[in-house]
Amino acid sequence: MAAMRRGSLYTENISRIKRKDVSAYFGEAEQSDDITMLGLKFFGVPLAELNE
């Protein structure tokens, strides 16, 4: 996944990058279906910290 290679990113930036990745993949082809993206930001404590 291209976004993962770019390091830690905010949800909005990941969505923007993925839109660009999808556009680059399909190029000039006509859109044949809708694309839905859902970005989640986790504000909790990582599981590893809970197990310490």
Protein backbone atom coordinates (compact mmCIF):
# COMPACT_ATOMS: atom_id res chain seq x y z
CA MET A 1 0.00 0.00 0.00
CA ALA A 2 1.54 3.28 -1.08
CA ALA A 3 0.26 5.24 1.93
CA MET A 4 1.99 2.85 4.34
CA ARG A 5 5.35 3.44 2.64
CA ARG A 6 5.01 7.18 3.25
CA GLY A 7 5.13 6.82 7.05
CA SER A 8 2.69 8.20 9.60
CA LEU A 9 0.03 10.36 7.94
CA TYR A 10 -3.16 12.07 9.00
CA THR A 11 -6.42 10.49 7.83
CA GLU A 12 -7.12 13.36 5.42
CA ASN A 13 -3.71 12.97 3.77
CA ILE A 14 -4.13 9.21 3.41
CA SER A 15 -7.51 9.74 1.70
CA ARG A 16 -6.01 12.31 -0.68
CA ILE A 17 -3.08 10.02 -1.52
CA LYS A 18 -5.37 7.03 -2.12
CA ARG A 19 -7.58 9.10 -4.47
CA LYS A 20 -4.44 9.97 -6.44
CA ASP A 21 -3.34 6.31 -6.44
CA VAL A 22 -6.74 5.18 -7.76
CA SER A 23 -6.73 7.92 -10.44
CA ALA A 24 -3.22 6.93 -11.53
CA TYR A 25 -4.21 3.26 -11.72
CA PHE A 26 -7.28 3.84 -13.88
CA GLY A 27 -5.77 6.67 -15.94
CA GLU A 28 -8.18 8.02 -18.55
CA ALA A 29 -10.61 5.09 -18.31
CA GLU A 30 -14.25 6.01 -17.77
CA GLN A 31 -15.44 5.48 -14.19
CA SER A 32 -17.67 2.40 -14.13
CA ASP A 33 -18.74 2.45 -10.49
CA ASP A 34 -18.70 4.56 -7.32
CA ILE A 35 -15.72 4.49 -5.01
CA THR A 36 -16.23 4.77 -1.26
CA MET A 37 -13.41 5.55 1.17
CA LEU A 38 -13.68 5.46 4.94
CA GLY A 39 -10.89 6.85 7.11
CA LEU A 40 -10.74 6.10 10.82
CA LYS A 41 -8.51 7.77 13.38
CA PHE A 42 -7.88 5.75 16.57
CA PHE A 43 -7.74 7.86 19.73
CA GLY A 44 -7.48 4.97 22.22
CA VAL A 45 -4.60 3.24 23.92
CA PRO A 46 -2.67 0.68 21.81
CA LEU A 47 -3.32 -2.92 22.85
CA ALA A 48 0.39 -3.47 23.59
CA GLU A 49 0.26 -0.74 26.26
CA LEU A 50 -2.80 -2.31 27.88
CA ASN A 51 -0.99 -5.64 28.29
CA GLU A 52 2.01 -4.16 30.15
